[in-house]
Amino acid sequence: FLVVVMMVMSVFSLCGCMSNDQDSNNETNNK
């Protein structure tokens, strides 16, 4: 159960980073 929870959290964290990077890229592109 703990392994599954950690894997899910990692996925969400990765998605969040990708989202932040994408937002940053969008800001750069819109500058």
All heavy atoms as atom14 arrays in JSON, in Angstrom:
{
  "sequence": "FLVVVMMVMSVFSLCGCMSNDQDSNNETNNK",
  "atom14_mask": [
    [1, 1, 1, 1, 1, 1, 1, 1, 1, 1, 1, 0, 0, 0],
    [1, 1, 1, 1, 1, 1, 1, 1, 0, 0, 0, 0, 0, 0],
    [1, 1, 1, 1, 1, 1, 1, 0, 0, 0, 0, 0, 0, 0],
    [1, 1, 1, 1, 1, 1, 1, 0, 0, 0, 0, 0, 0, 0],
    [1, 1, 1, 1, 1, 1, 1, 0, 0, 0, 0, 0, 0, 0],
    [1, 1, 1, 1, 1, 1, 1, 1, 0, 0, 0, 0, 0, 0],
    [1, 1, 1, 1, 1, 1, 1, 1, 0, 0, 0, 0, 0, 0],
    [1, 1, 1, 1, 1, 1, 1, 0, 0, 0, 0, 0, 0, 0],
    [1, 1, 1, 1, 1, 1, 1, 1, 0, 0, 0, 0, 0, 0],
    [1, 1, 1, 1, 1, 1, 0, 0, 0, 0, 0, 0, 0, 0],
    [1, 1, 1, 1, 1, 1, 1, 0, 0, 0, 0, 0, 0, 0],
    [1, 1, 1, 1, 1, 1, 1, 1, 1, 1, 1, 0, 0, 0],
    [1, 1, 1, 1, 1, 1, 0, 0, 0, 0, 0, 0, 0, 0],
    [1, 1, 1, 1, 1, 1, 1, 1, 0, 0, 0, 0, 0, 0],
    [1, 1, 1, 1, 1, 1, 0, 0, 0, 0, 0, 0, 0, 0],
    [1, 1, 1, 1, 0, 0, 0, 0, 0, 0, 0, 0, 0, 0],
    [1, 1, 1, 1, 1, 1, 0, 0, 0, 0, 0, 0, 0, 0],
    [1, 1, 1, 1, 1, 1, 1, 1, 0, 0, 0, 0, 0, 0],
    [1, 1, 1, 1, 1, 1, 0, 0, 0, 0, 0, 0, 0, 0],
    [1, 1, 1, 1, 1, 1, 1, 1, 0, 0, 0, 0, 0, 0],
    [1, 1, 1, 1, 1, 1, 1, 1, 0, 0, 0, 0, 0, 0],
    [1, 1, 1, 1, 1, 1, 1, 1, 1, 0, 0, 0, 0, 0],
    [1, 1, 1, 1, 1, 1, 1, 1, 0, 0, 0, 0, 0, 0],
    [1, 1, 1, 1, 1, 1, 0, 0, 0, 0, 0, 0, 0, 0],
    [1, 1, 1, 1, 1, 1, 1, 1, 0, 0, 0, 0, 0, 0],
    [1, 1, 1, 1, 1, 1, 1, 1, 0, 0, 0, 0, 0, 0],
    [1, 1, 1, 1, 1, 1, 1, 1, 1, 0, 0, 0, 0, 0],
    [1, 1, 1, 1, 1, 1, 1, 0, 0, 0, 0, 0, 0, 0],
    [1, 1, 1, 1, 1, 1, 1, 1, 0, 0, 0, 0, 0, 0],
    [1, 1, 1, 1, 1, 1, 1, 1, 0, 0, 0, 0, 0, 0],
    [1, 1, 1, 1, 1, 1, 1, 1, 1, 0, 0, 0, 0, 0]
  ],
  "atom14_positions": [
    [[0.83, -1.21, 0.0], [0.0, 0.0, 0.0], [0.87, 1.26, 0.0], [0.63, 2.2, -0.75], [-0.93, -0.02, 1.22], [-1.78, 1.22, 1.33], [-2.88, 1.4, 0.5], [-1.46, 2.2, 2.26], [-3.65, 2.54, 0.62], [-2.22, 3.33, 2.37], [-3.33, 3.52, 1.56], [0.0, 0.0, 0.0], [0.0, 0.0, 0.0], [0.0, 0.0, 0.0]],
    [[1.9, 1.26, 0.85], [2.8, 2.43, 0.92], [3.55, 2.65, -0.39], [3.74, 3.8, -0.84], [3.81, 2.23, 2.06], [3.24, 2.35, 3.48], [4.29, 1.95, 4.52], [2.78, 3.77, 3.75], [0.0, 0.0, 0.0], [0.0, 0.0, 0.0], [0.0, 0.0, 0.0], [0.0, 0.0, 0.0], [0.0, 0.0, 0.0], [0.0, 0.0, 0.0]],
    [[3.96, 1.58, -1.02], [4.66, 1.72, -2.3], [3.75, 2.33, -3.36], [4.14, 3.22, -4.12], [5.17, 0.34, -2.77], [5.66, 0.42, -4.23], [6.28, -0.14, -1.87], [0.0, 0.0, 0.0], [0.0, 0.0, 0.0], [0.0, 0.0, 0.0], [0.0, 0.0, 0.0], [0.0, 0.0, 0.0], [0.0, 0.0, 0.0], [0.0, 0.0, 0.0]],
    [[2.48, 1.85, -3.39], [1.51, 2.39, -4.36], [1.28, 3.87, -4.12], [1.25, 4.68, -5.05], [0.19, 1.59, -4.28], [-0.89, 2.27, -5.13], [0.41, 0.17, -4.74], [0.0, 0.0, 0.0], [0.0, 0.0, 0.0], [0.0, 0.0, 0.0], [0.0, 0.0, 0.0], [0.0, 0.0, 0.0], [0.0, 0.0, 0.0], [0.0, 0.0, 0.0]],
    [[1.09, 4.24, -2.82], [0.86, 5.66, -2.48], [2.03, 6.52, -2.93], [1.87, 7.59, -3.51], [0.61, 5.81, -0.96], [0.65, 7.3, -0.58], [-0.7, 5.19, -0.57], [0.0, 0.0, 0.0], [0.0, 0.0, 0.0], [0.0, 0.0, 0.0], [0.0, 0.0, 0.0], [0.0, 0.0, 0.0], [0.0, 0.0, 0.0], [0.0, 0.0, 0.0]],
    [[3.23, 6.05, -2.67], [4.43, 6.82, -3.06], [4.54, 6.98, -4.57], [4.92, 8.03, -5.09], [5.68, 6.13, -2.52], [5.8, 6.21, -0.98], [7.21, 5.31, -0.34], [8.55, 6.26, -1.02], [0.0, 0.0, 0.0], [0.0, 0.0, 0.0], [0.0, 0.0, 0.0], [0.0, 0.0, 0.0], [0.0, 0.0, 0.0], [0.0, 0.0, 0.0]],
    [[4.16, 5.91, -5.32], [4.2, 5.98, -6.78], [3.19, 6.99, -7.29], [3.5, 7.78, -8.2], [3.91, 4.59, -7.38], [5.04, 3.57, -7.17], [4.6, 1.93, -7.77], [4.43, 2.25, -9.52], [0.0, 0.0, 0.0], [0.0, 0.0, 0.0], [0.0, 0.0, 0.0], [0.0, 0.0, 0.0], [0.0, 0.0, 0.0], [0.0, 0.0, 0.0]],
    [[1.99, 7.0, -6.7], [0.95, 7.96, -7.12], [1.4, 9.38, -6.84], [1.26, 10.28, -7.67], [-0.38, 7.65, -6.41], [-1.38, 8.78, -6.67], [-0.93, 6.32, -6.89], [0.0, 0.0, 0.0], [0.0, 0.0, 0.0], [0.0, 0.0, 0.0], [0.0, 0.0, 0.0], [0.0, 0.0, 0.0], [0.0, 0.0, 0.0], [0.0, 0.0, 0.0]],
    [[1.98, 9.59, -5.66], [2.45, 10.93, -5.3], [3.56, 11.4, -6.24], [3.63, 12.57, -6.63], [2.96, 10.94, -3.86], [1.84, 10.78, -2.83], [2.46, 10.72, -1.13], [3.12, 12.37, -0.98], [0.0, 0.0, 0.0], [0.0, 0.0, 0.0], [0.0, 0.0, 0.0], [0.0, 0.0, 0.0], [0.0, 0.0, 0.0], [0.0, 0.0, 0.0]],
    [[4.41, 10.46, -6.64], [5.49, 10.79, -7.57], [4.95, 11.24, -8.91], [5.43, 12.19, -9.54], [6.43, 9.61, -7.76], [7.04, 9.27, -6.55], [0.0, 0.0, 0.0], [0.0, 0.0, 0.0], [0.0, 0.0, 0.0], [0.0, 0.0, 0.0], [0.0, 0.0, 0.0], [0.0, 0.0, 0.0], [0.0, 0.0, 0.0], [0.0, 0.0, 0.0]],
    [[3.92, 10.53, -9.37], [3.29, 10.88, -10.65], [2.71, 12.27, -10.59], [2.89, 13.1, -11.48], [2.22, 9.84, -11.03], [1.41, 10.33, -12.22], [2.88, 8.5, -11.34], [0.0, 0.0, 0.0], [0.0, 0.0, 0.0], [0.0, 0.0, 0.0], [0.0, 0.0, 0.0], [0.0, 0.0, 0.0], [0.0, 0.0, 0.0], [0.0, 0.0, 0.0]],
    [[1.94, 12.55, -9.48], [1.33, 13.89, -9.33], [2.39, 14.98, -9.24], [2.25, 16.06, -9.8], [0.44, 13.92, -8.08], [-0.94, 13.38, -8.33], [-1.34, 12.17, -7.77], [-1.84, 14.09, -9.13], [-2.6, 11.68, -8.01], [-3.1, 13.59, -9.36], [-3.51, 12.37, -8.8], [0.0, 0.0, 0.0], [0.0, 0.0, 0.0], [0.0, 0.0, 0.0]],
    [[3.48, 14.64, -8.54], [4.58, 15.6, -8.42], [5.2, 15.89, -9.78], [5.48, 17.04, -10.13], [5.63, 15.05, -7.46], [6.73, 15.91, -7.4], [0.0, 0.0, 0.0], [0.0, 0.0, 0.0], [0.0, 0.0, 0.0], [0.0, 0.0, 0.0], [0.0, 0.0, 0.0], [0.0, 0.0, 0.0], [0.0, 0.0, 0.0], [0.0, 0.0, 0.0]],
    [[5.41, 14.83, -10.55], [5.98, 14.99, -11.88], [5.07, 15.81, -12.78], [5.5, 16.7, -13.51], [6.24, 13.61, -12.5], [6.85, 13.6, -13.92], [8.2, 14.3, -13.91], [6.98, 12.17, -14.41], [0.0, 0.0, 0.0], [0.0, 0.0, 0.0], [0.0, 0.0, 0.0], [0.0, 0.0, 0.0], [0.0, 0.0, 0.0], [0.0, 0.0, 0.0]],
    [[3.79, 15.55, -12.68], [2.82, 16.3, -13.49], [2.84, 17.77, -13.1], [2.74, 18.65, -13.94], [1.41, 15.73, -13.29], [1.2, 14.11, -14.05], [0.0, 0.0, 0.0], [0.0, 0.0, 0.0], [0.0, 0.0, 0.0], [0.0, 0.0, 0.0], [0.0, 0.0, 0.0], [0.0, 0.0, 0.0], [0.0, 0.0, 0.0], [0.0, 0.0, 0.0]],
    [[2.98, 17.97, -11.76], [3.02, 19.36, -11.29], [4.23, 20.08, -11.83], [4.15, 21.24, -12.25], [0.0, 0.0, 0.0], [0.0, 0.0, 0.0], [0.0, 0.0, 0.0], [0.0, 0.0, 0.0], [0.0, 0.0, 0.0], [0.0, 0.0, 0.0], [0.0, 0.0, 0.0], [0.0, 0.0, 0.0], [0.0, 0.0, 0.0], [0.0, 0.0, 0.0]],
    [[5.39, 19.4, -11.84], [6.6, 20.01, -12.37], [6.45, 20.32, -13.84], [6.84, 21.39, -14.33], [7.8, 19.08, -12.18], [8.3, 18.94, -10.45], [0.0, 0.0, 0.0], [0.0, 0.0, 0.0], [0.0, 0.0, 0.0], [0.0, 0.0, 0.0], [0.0, 0.0, 0.0], [0.0, 0.0, 0.0], [0.0, 0.0, 0.0], [0.0, 0.0, 0.0]],
    [[5.84, 19.33, -14.56], [5.64, 19.56, -15.99], [4.72, 20.73, -16.21], [4.93, 21.55, -17.1], [5.06, 18.29, -16.63], [6.04, 17.12, -16.67], [5.28, 15.62, -17.3], [4.88, 16.1, -18.96], [0.0, 0.0, 0.0], [0.0, 0.0, 0.0], [0.0, 0.0, 0.0], [0.0, 0.0, 0.0], [0.0, 0.0, 0.0], [0.0, 0.0, 0.0]],
    [[3.71, 20.83, -15.35], [2.77, 21.94, -15.48], [3.47, 23.26, -15.22], [3.27, 24.23, -15.95], [1.62, 21.76, -14.5], [0.75, 22.87, -14.57], [0.0, 0.0, 0.0], [0.0, 0.0, 0.0], [0.0, 0.0, 0.0], [0.0, 0.0, 0.0], [0.0, 0.0, 0.0], [0.0, 0.0, 0.0], [0.0, 0.0, 0.0], [0.0, 0.0, 0.0]],
    [[4.32, 23.28, -14.16], [5.05, 24.52, -13.86], [6.0, 24.9, -15.0], [6.11, 26.06, -15.37], [5.85, 24.35, -12.57], [4.94, 24.32, -11.35], [3.82, 24.81, -11.4], [5.42, 23.71, -10.27], [0.0, 0.0, 0.0], [0.0, 0.0, 0.0], [0.0, 0.0, 0.0], [0.0, 0.0, 0.0], [0.0, 0.0, 0.0], [0.0, 0.0, 0.0]],
    [[6.71, 23.86, -15.55], [7.61, 24.12, -16.66], [6.85, 24.66, -17.86], [7.29, 25.57, -18.55], [8.36, 22.85, -17.05], [9.4, 22.47, -16.0], [9.73, 23.34, -15.18], [9.86, 21.31, -16.03], [0.0, 0.0, 0.0], [0.0, 0.0, 0.0], [0.0, 0.0, 0.0], [0.0, 0.0, 0.0], [0.0, 0.0, 0.0], [0.0, 0.0, 0.0]],
    [[5.67, 24.06, -18.1], [4.87, 24.5, -19.23], [4.41, 25.93, -19.04], [4.44, 26.74, -19.97], [3.67, 23.56, -19.39], [2.88, 23.82, -20.67], [1.8, 22.77, -20.88], [1.57, 21.92, -20.03], [1.14, 22.85, -22.02], [0.0, 0.0, 0.0], [0.0, 0.0, 0.0], [0.0, 0.0, 0.0], [0.0, 0.0, 0.0], [0.0, 0.0, 0.0]],
    [[3.99, 26.26, -17.77], [3.58, 27.64, -17.5], [4.74, 28.6, -17.73], [4.56, 29.69, -18.28], [3.1, 27.77, -16.04], [1.76, 27.07, -15.84], [1.08, 26.8, -16.86], [1.41, 26.81, -14.67], [0.0, 0.0, 0.0], [0.0, 0.0, 0.0], [0.0, 0.0, 0.0], [0.0, 0.0, 0.0], [0.0, 0.0, 0.0], [0.0, 0.0, 0.0]],
    [[5.94, 28.16, -17.28], [7.13, 29.01, -17.45], [7.44, 29.21, -18.92], [7.76, 30.32, -19.36], [8.32, 28.36, -16.74], [9.49, 29.11, -16.96], [0.0, 0.0, 0.0], [0.0, 0.0, 0.0], [0.0, 0.0, 0.0], [0.0, 0.0, 0.0], [0.0, 0.0, 0.0], [0.0, 0.0, 0.0], [0.0, 0.0, 0.0], [0.0, 0.0, 0.0]],
    [[7.32, 28.12, -19.69], [7.57, 28.21, -21.12], [6.55, 29.12, -21.8], [6.88, 29.9, -22.69], [7.52, 26.84, -21.78], [8.73, 25.99, -21.41], [9.78, 26.55, -21.09], [8.59, 24.67, -21.46], [0.0, 0.0, 0.0], [0.0, 0.0, 0.0], [0.0, 0.0, 0.0], [0.0, 0.0, 0.0], [0.0, 0.0, 0.0], [0.0, 0.0, 0.0]],
    [[5.28, 29.03, -21.33], [4.24, 29.88, -21.9], [4.54, 31.36, -21.62], [4.35, 32.21, -22.48], [2.87, 29.52, -21.32], [2.36, 28.2, -21.9], [2.8, 27.79, -22.97], [1.44, 27.55, -21.19], [0.0, 0.0, 0.0], [0.0, 0.0, 0.0], [0.0, 0.0, 0.0], [0.0, 0.0, 0.0], [0.0, 0.0, 0.0], [0.0, 0.0, 0.0]],
    [[5.03, 31.62, -20.36], [5.37, 32.99, -20.03], [6.49, 33.49, -20.93], [6.49, 34.63, -21.41], [5.81, 33.09, -18.56], [4.65, 33.02, -17.58], [5.13, 33.16, -16.15], [6.27, 33.63, -15.96], [4.38, 32.8, -15.23], [0.0, 0.0, 0.0], [0.0, 0.0, 0.0], [0.0, 0.0, 0.0], [0.0, 0.0, 0.0], [0.0, 0.0, 0.0]],
    [[7.51, 32.62, -21.15], [8.63, 33.0, -22.01], [8.16, 33.26, -23.43], [8.55, 34.23, -24.07], [9.69, 31.89, -22.02], [10.15, 31.69, -20.68], [10.88, 32.29, -22.9], [0.0, 0.0, 0.0], [0.0, 0.0, 0.0], [0.0, 0.0, 0.0], [0.0, 0.0, 0.0], [0.0, 0.0, 0.0], [0.0, 0.0, 0.0], [0.0, 0.0, 0.0]],
    [[7.28, 32.38, -23.91], [6.79, 32.53, -25.27], [5.94, 33.78, -25.44], [5.91, 34.38, -26.5], [5.97, 31.29, -25.68], [6.85, 30.05, -25.82], [8.04, 30.18, -26.08], [6.26, 28.87, -25.64], [0.0, 0.0, 0.0], [0.0, 0.0, 0.0], [0.0, 0.0, 0.0], [0.0, 0.0, 0.0], [0.0, 0.0, 0.0], [0.0, 0.0, 0.0]],
    [[5.22, 34.16, -24.35], [4.35, 35.33, -24.43], [5.09, 36.64, -24.18], [4.55, 37.71, -24.42], [3.21, 35.2, -23.41], [2.24, 34.09, -23.79], [2.09, 33.8, -24.98], [1.59, 33.5, -22.8], [0.0, 0.0, 0.0], [0.0, 0.0, 0.0], [0.0, 0.0, 0.0], [0.0, 0.0, 0.0], [0.0, 0.0, 0.0], [0.0, 0.0, 0.0]],
    [[6.33, 36.55, -23.69], [7.11, 37.75, -23.41], [7.48, 38.45, -24.71], [7.95, 37.84, -25.65], [8.38, 37.39, -22.63], [9.17, 38.61, -22.19], [10.39, 38.2, -21.39], [11.19, 39.43, -20.98], [12.41, 39.05, -20.22], [0.0, 0.0, 0.0], [0.0, 0.0, 0.0], [0.0, 0.0, 0.0], [0.0, 0.0, 0.0], [0.0, 0.0, 0.0]]
  ]
}
